């Protein structure tokens, strides 16, 4: 149980850190976010919030309720991403990828509760 939790949480954390990095440093990502209609301050805010979520998810001493809020925030981000890319008429592949990421969030959350990490 703990292996599934740490593997899914590790993969989710890597994804969020990579995304945060690209939100700040990748010109292609910055241009893409602007094309979706989001302002630069929102892009920076999302990058910072993703880094905070990673810290919350990886530090075992952080209370369960705070971790649950982090999971909720990350899930809302992926849902918002699906809506934005669908409205922008981007490839369905992006939405399917975001659904896969949501599944990863659910697996991590489920196994956090099953494995009694806290």
N, C-alpha and C. Protein backbone atom coordinates (compact mmCIF):
# COMPACT_ATOMS: atom_id res chain seq x y z
N UNK A 1 0.82 -1.20 0.00
CA UNK A 1 0.00 0.00 0.00
C UNK A 1 0.86 1.27 0.00
N UNK A 2 1.88 1.27 0.86
CA UNK A 2 2.73 2.46 0.94
C UNK A 2 3.50 2.67 -0.36
N UNK A 3 3.87 1.57 -1.03
CA UNK A 3 4.59 1.69 -2.29
C UNK A 3 3.73 2.37 -3.34
N UNK A 4 2.45 1.99 -3.42
CA UNK A 4 1.55 2.61 -4.39
C UNK A 4 1.35 4.09 -4.05
N UNK A 5 1.20 4.38 -2.75
CA UNK A 5 1.03 5.77 -2.33
C UNK A 5 2.25 6.60 -2.72
N UNK A 6 3.45 6.15 -2.35
CA UNK A 6 4.64 6.96 -2.60
C UNK A 6 4.96 7.05 -4.09
N UNK A 7 4.67 5.98 -4.85
CA UNK A 7 4.91 6.03 -6.30
C UNK A 7 3.97 7.03 -6.97
N UNK A 8 2.68 6.93 -6.66
CA UNK A 8 1.71 7.85 -7.28
C UNK A 8 1.95 9.28 -6.82
N UNK A 9 2.27 9.47 -5.56
CA UNK A 9 2.53 10.82 -5.04
C UNK A 9 3.82 11.38 -5.63
N UNK A 10 4.83 10.53 -5.78
CA UNK A 10 6.08 10.97 -6.40
C UNK A 10 5.88 11.38 -7.84
N UNK A 11 5.14 10.57 -8.60
CA UNK A 11 4.86 10.91 -10.00
C UNK A 11 4.06 12.21 -10.10
N UNK A 12 3.05 12.35 -9.24
CA UNK A 12 2.26 13.58 -9.22
C UNK A 12 3.12 14.79 -8.88
N UNK A 13 4.00 14.62 -7.93
CA UNK A 13 4.88 15.72 -7.51
C UNK A 13 5.84 16.13 -8.64
N UNK A 14 6.40 15.14 -9.32
CA UNK A 14 7.28 15.43 -10.46
C UNK A 14 6.51 16.18 -11.54
N UNK A 15 5.31 15.73 -11.81
CA UNK A 15 4.47 16.39 -12.81
C UNK A 15 4.20 17.84 -12.43
N UNK A 16 3.85 18.06 -11.17
CA UNK A 16 3.54 19.42 -10.71
C UNK A 16 4.78 20.32 -10.73
N UNK A 17 5.92 19.78 -10.33
CA UNK A 17 7.16 20.57 -10.35
C UNK A 17 7.58 20.91 -11.78
N UNK A 18 7.46 19.92 -12.67
CA UNK A 18 7.79 20.18 -14.07
C UNK A 18 6.86 21.25 -14.65
N UNK A 19 5.59 21.14 -14.32
CA UNK A 19 4.61 22.12 -14.79
C UNK A 19 4.93 23.51 -14.26
N UNK A 20 5.26 23.60 -12.97
CA UNK A 20 5.62 24.89 -12.37
C UNK A 20 6.84 25.49 -13.06
N UNK A 21 7.83 24.65 -13.30
CA UNK A 21 9.03 25.11 -13.97
C UNK A 21 8.69 25.66 -15.36
N UNK A 22 7.87 24.91 -16.11
CA UNK A 22 7.54 25.36 -17.46
C UNK A 22 6.68 26.62 -17.44
N UNK A 23 5.83 26.78 -16.42
CA UNK A 23 5.01 27.98 -16.30
C UNK A 23 5.88 29.23 -16.12
N UNK A 24 7.04 29.06 -15.52
CA UNK A 24 7.90 30.20 -15.23
C UNK A 24 8.97 30.40 -16.31
N UNK A 25 9.53 29.31 -16.84
CA UNK A 25 10.71 29.43 -17.69
C UNK A 25 10.53 29.05 -19.16
N UNK A 26 9.47 28.34 -19.52
CA UNK A 26 9.29 27.89 -20.90
C UNK A 26 8.47 28.92 -21.69
N UNK A 27 9.11 29.50 -22.68
CA UNK A 27 8.42 30.51 -23.49
C UNK A 27 7.22 29.91 -24.21
N UNK A 28 7.33 28.67 -24.66
CA UNK A 28 6.21 28.02 -25.34
C UNK A 28 5.01 27.87 -24.40
N UNK A 29 5.27 27.48 -23.16
CA UNK A 29 4.19 27.34 -22.19
C UNK A 29 3.59 28.70 -21.85
N UNK A 30 4.43 29.68 -21.66
CA UNK A 30 3.95 31.03 -21.33
C UNK A 30 3.06 31.55 -22.46
N UNK A 31 3.49 31.35 -23.70
CA UNK A 31 2.69 31.77 -24.85
C UNK A 31 1.38 31.00 -24.92
N UNK A 32 1.45 29.71 -24.64
CA UNK A 32 0.25 28.87 -24.66
C UNK A 32 -0.77 29.29 -23.61
N UNK A 33 -0.30 29.63 -22.43
CA UNK A 33 -1.20 30.07 -21.36
C UNK A 33 -1.84 31.40 -21.73
N UNK A 34 -1.07 32.28 -22.32
CA UNK A 34 -1.63 33.56 -22.79
C UNK A 34 -2.68 33.32 -23.87
N UNK A 35 -2.42 32.34 -24.76
CA UNK A 35 -3.37 32.04 -25.83
C UNK A 35 -4.69 31.50 -25.27
N UNK A 36 -4.63 30.86 -24.11
CA UNK A 36 -5.85 30.38 -23.46
C UNK A 36 -6.65 31.52 -22.83
N UNK A 37 -6.02 32.69 -22.73
CA UNK A 37 -6.71 33.86 -22.20
C UNK A 37 -6.39 34.17 -20.75
N UNK A 38 -5.40 33.47 -20.18
CA UNK A 38 -5.05 33.72 -18.78
C UNK A 38 -3.95 34.78 -18.68
N UNK A 39 -4.06 35.68 -17.71
CA UNK A 39 -3.03 36.70 -17.53
C UNK A 39 -1.77 36.12 -16.88
N UNK A 40 -0.66 36.85 -17.01
CA UNK A 40 0.61 36.38 -16.47
C UNK A 40 0.58 36.17 -14.95
N UNK A 41 -0.12 37.05 -14.24
CA UNK A 41 -0.13 36.87 -12.77
C UNK A 41 -0.81 35.57 -12.37
N UNK A 42 -1.78 35.10 -13.15
CA UNK A 42 -2.44 33.83 -12.86
C UNK A 42 -1.49 32.67 -13.10
N UNK A 43 -0.68 32.76 -14.16
CA UNK A 43 0.32 31.74 -14.48
C UNK A 43 1.33 31.60 -13.33
N UNK A 44 1.81 32.72 -12.82
CA UNK A 44 2.76 32.70 -11.71
C UNK A 44 2.09 32.15 -10.45
N UNK A 45 0.87 32.57 -10.20
CA UNK A 45 0.13 32.08 -9.04
C UNK A 45 -0.02 30.55 -9.10
N UNK A 46 -0.38 30.03 -10.26
CA UNK A 46 -0.52 28.58 -10.40
C UNK A 46 0.80 27.86 -10.16
N UNK A 47 1.88 28.42 -10.67
CA UNK A 47 3.20 27.81 -10.47
C UNK A 47 3.55 27.73 -8.99
N UNK A 48 3.32 28.81 -8.27
CA UNK A 48 3.62 28.84 -6.83
C UNK A 48 2.72 27.88 -6.07
N UNK A 49 1.44 27.86 -6.40
CA UNK A 49 0.50 26.97 -5.72
C UNK A 49 0.83 25.50 -5.96
N UNK A 50 1.31 25.17 -7.15
CA UNK A 50 1.71 23.79 -7.43
C UNK A 50 2.92 23.39 -6.58
N UNK A 51 3.86 24.30 -6.42
CA UNK A 51 5.04 24.01 -5.58
C UNK A 51 4.61 23.82 -4.13
N UNK A 52 3.71 24.65 -3.65
CA UNK A 52 3.19 24.51 -2.28
C UNK A 52 2.48 23.16 -2.14
N UNK A 53 1.70 22.77 -3.15
CA UNK A 53 0.99 21.48 -3.10
C UNK A 53 1.98 20.32 -3.00
N UNK A 54 3.07 20.39 -3.75
CA UNK A 54 4.09 19.34 -3.69
C UNK A 54 4.66 19.22 -2.29
N UNK A 55 4.98 20.34 -1.68
CA UNK A 55 5.53 20.33 -0.32
C UNK A 55 4.52 19.70 0.64
N UNK A 56 3.27 20.11 0.53
CA UNK A 56 2.22 19.58 1.41
C UNK A 56 2.07 18.07 1.23
N UNK A 57 2.09 17.60 0.00
CA UNK A 57 1.89 16.19 -0.26
C UNK A 57 3.08 15.33 0.16
N UNK A 58 4.28 15.87 0.07
CA UNK A 58 5.47 15.06 0.35
C UNK A 58 5.90 15.05 1.81
N UNK A 59 5.51 16.04 2.59
CA UNK A 59 5.95 16.10 3.99
C UNK A 59 4.95 15.31 4.85
N UNK A 60 5.39 14.18 5.41
CA UNK A 60 4.47 13.33 6.17
C UNK A 60 3.87 13.99 7.42
N UNK A 61 4.55 14.96 8.00
CA UNK A 61 4.08 15.59 9.23
C UNK A 61 2.91 16.56 9.01
N UNK A 62 2.63 16.89 7.79
CA UNK A 62 1.53 17.82 7.51
C UNK A 62 0.21 17.08 7.72
N UNK A 63 -0.72 17.70 8.45
CA UNK A 63 -2.00 17.03 8.78
C UNK A 63 -2.80 16.60 7.55
N UNK A 64 -3.55 15.54 7.72
CA UNK A 64 -4.35 14.95 6.66
C UNK A 64 -5.32 15.96 6.03
N UNK A 65 -5.96 16.78 6.83
CA UNK A 65 -6.92 17.73 6.28
C UNK A 65 -6.26 18.73 5.32
N UNK A 66 -5.06 19.12 5.61
CA UNK A 66 -4.34 20.04 4.72
C UNK A 66 -3.97 19.32 3.43
N UNK A 67 -3.55 18.05 3.54
CA UNK A 67 -3.25 17.27 2.34
C UNK A 67 -4.50 17.13 1.47
N UNK A 68 -5.65 16.92 2.10
CA UNK A 68 -6.89 16.79 1.34
C UNK A 68 -7.20 18.08 0.57
N UNK A 69 -6.93 19.22 1.18
CA UNK A 69 -7.13 20.50 0.48
C UNK A 69 -6.16 20.62 -0.70
N UNK A 70 -4.95 20.13 -0.53
CA UNK A 70 -3.98 20.16 -1.64
C UNK A 70 -4.47 19.28 -2.78
N UNK A 71 -4.95 18.08 -2.45
CA UNK A 71 -5.50 17.20 -3.49
C UNK A 71 -6.66 17.89 -4.21
N UNK A 72 -7.54 18.53 -3.46
CA UNK A 72 -8.68 19.23 -4.06
C UNK A 72 -8.20 20.34 -5.00
N UNK A 73 -7.24 21.12 -4.55
CA UNK A 73 -6.72 22.21 -5.38
C UNK A 73 -6.09 21.70 -6.66
N UNK A 74 -5.33 20.63 -6.57
CA UNK A 74 -4.70 20.07 -7.77
C UNK A 74 -5.76 19.52 -8.72
N UNK A 75 -6.78 18.87 -8.17
CA UNK A 75 -7.87 18.35 -8.99
C UNK A 75 -8.59 19.49 -9.69
N UNK A 76 -8.87 20.57 -8.97
CA UNK A 76 -9.52 21.73 -9.58
C UNK A 76 -8.67 22.31 -10.70
N UNK A 77 -7.36 22.32 -10.50
CA UNK A 77 -6.47 22.81 -11.55
C UNK A 77 -6.63 21.98 -12.82
N UNK A 78 -6.61 20.65 -12.67
CA UNK A 78 -6.72 19.79 -13.85
C UNK A 78 -8.09 19.93 -14.52
N UNK A 79 -9.15 20.09 -13.73
CA UNK A 79 -10.48 20.31 -14.31
C UNK A 79 -10.51 21.63 -15.07
N UNK A 80 -9.93 22.68 -14.48
CA UNK A 80 -9.86 23.99 -15.15
C UNK A 80 -9.07 23.88 -16.45
N UNK A 81 -8.03 23.09 -16.43
CA UNK A 81 -7.22 22.89 -17.63
C UNK A 81 -8.05 22.22 -18.73
N UNK A 82 -8.84 21.22 -18.36
CA UNK A 82 -9.70 20.55 -19.34
C UNK A 82 -10.69 21.55 -19.95
N UNK A 83 -11.31 22.34 -19.09
CA UNK A 83 -12.29 23.33 -19.58
C UNK A 83 -11.62 24.35 -20.50
N UNK A 84 -10.46 24.87 -20.09
CA UNK A 84 -9.77 25.89 -20.89
C UNK A 84 -9.34 25.33 -22.25
N UNK A 85 -8.78 24.13 -22.26
CA UNK A 85 -8.31 23.56 -23.52
C UNK A 85 -9.48 23.16 -24.42
N UNK A 86 -10.58 22.72 -23.83
CA UNK A 86 -11.77 22.38 -24.62
C UNK A 86 -12.36 23.65 -25.24
N UNK A 87 -12.46 24.71 -24.44
CA UNK A 87 -12.98 25.99 -24.95
C UNK A 87 -12.09 26.55 -26.05
N UNK A 88 -10.80 26.30 -25.95
CA UNK A 88 -9.84 26.79 -26.94
C UNK A 88 -9.80 25.88 -28.17
N UNK A 89 -10.56 24.78 -28.11
CA UNK A 89 -10.64 23.80 -29.20
C UNK A 89 -9.30 23.12 -29.47
N UNK A 90 -8.56 22.86 -28.38
CA UNK A 90 -7.30 22.12 -28.50
C UNK A 90 -7.60 20.63 -28.67
N UNK A 91 -6.58 19.88 -28.95
CA UNK A 91 -6.70 18.45 -29.16
C UNK A 91 -7.32 17.77 -27.94
N UNK A 92 -8.15 16.77 -28.20
CA UNK A 92 -8.76 16.00 -27.11
C UNK A 92 -7.70 15.26 -26.31
N UNK A 93 -6.54 15.04 -26.90
CA UNK A 93 -5.44 14.37 -26.21
C UNK A 93 -5.07 15.11 -24.93
N UNK A 94 -5.10 16.44 -24.95
CA UNK A 94 -4.77 17.22 -23.77
C UNK A 94 -5.77 16.96 -22.67
N UNK A 95 -7.05 16.89 -23.00
CA UNK A 95 -8.08 16.60 -21.99
C UNK A 95 -7.94 15.19 -21.46
N UNK A 96 -7.64 14.24 -22.33
CA UNK A 96 -7.44 12.86 -21.87
C UNK A 96 -6.23 12.76 -20.95
N UNK A 97 -5.19 13.50 -21.27
CA UNK A 97 -4.01 13.52 -20.41
C UNK A 97 -4.35 14.10 -19.04
N UNK A 98 -5.14 15.16 -19.03
CA UNK A 98 -5.56 15.74 -17.75
C UNK A 98 -6.44 14.78 -16.95
N UNK A 99 -7.27 14.00 -17.63
CA UNK A 99 -8.06 12.98 -16.93
C UNK A 99 -7.15 11.92 -16.30
N UNK A 100 -6.08 11.58 -17.01
CA UNK A 100 -5.10 10.64 -16.47
C UNK A 100 -4.44 11.23 -15.21
N UNK A 101 -4.14 12.53 -15.26
CA UNK A 101 -3.54 13.18 -14.10
C UNK A 101 -4.51 13.22 -12.92
N UNK A 102 -5.80 13.42 -13.20
CA UNK A 102 -6.81 13.38 -12.14
C UNK A 102 -6.85 11.99 -11.51
N UNK A 103 -6.76 10.97 -12.34
CA UNK A 103 -6.73 9.59 -11.82
C UNK A 103 -5.53 9.39 -10.90
N UNK A 104 -4.39 9.97 -11.27
CA UNK A 104 -3.20 9.88 -10.43
C UNK A 104 -3.42 10.56 -9.08
N UNK A 105 -4.10 11.70 -9.09
CA UNK A 105 -4.45 12.39 -7.84
C UNK A 105 -5.32 11.49 -6.97
N UNK A 106 -6.32 10.87 -7.58
CA UNK A 106 -7.22 10.00 -6.82
C UNK A 106 -6.50 8.78 -6.25
N UNK A 107 -5.60 8.19 -7.04
CA UNK A 107 -4.84 7.04 -6.55
C UNK A 107 -3.99 7.45 -5.36
N UNK A 108 -3.30 8.56 -5.46
CA UNK A 108 -2.47 9.04 -4.37
C UNK A 108 -3.31 9.29 -3.12
N UNK A 109 -4.43 9.96 -3.29
CA UNK A 109 -5.30 10.26 -2.16
C UNK A 109 -5.88 9.00 -1.55
N UNK A 110 -6.35 8.09 -2.38
CA UNK A 110 -6.93 6.84 -1.89
C UNK A 110 -5.92 6.05 -1.08
N UNK A 111 -4.71 5.93 -1.59
CA UNK A 111 -3.70 5.13 -0.90
C UNK A 111 -3.10 5.85 0.30
N UNK A 112 -3.22 7.15 0.34
CA UNK A 112 -2.85 7.88 1.57
C UNK A 112 -3.76 7.41 2.70
N UNK A 113 -5.04 7.33 2.41
CA UNK A 113 -6.01 6.91 3.42
C UNK A 113 -5.88 5.42 3.74
N UNK A 114 -5.65 4.58 2.73
CA UNK A 114 -5.55 3.13 2.95
C UNK A 114 -4.30 2.73 3.71
N UNK A 115 -3.21 3.44 3.48
CA UNK A 115 -1.93 3.02 4.06
C UNK A 115 -1.64 3.64 5.42
N UNK A 116 -2.48 4.55 5.86
CA UNK A 116 -2.28 5.20 7.16
C UNK A 116 -0.88 5.78 7.31
N UNK A 117 -0.47 6.53 6.31
CA UNK A 117 0.86 7.17 6.30
C UNK A 117 0.99 8.11 7.49
N UNK A 118 -0.10 8.78 7.83
CA UNK A 118 -0.04 9.77 8.91
C UNK A 118 -0.28 9.13 10.25
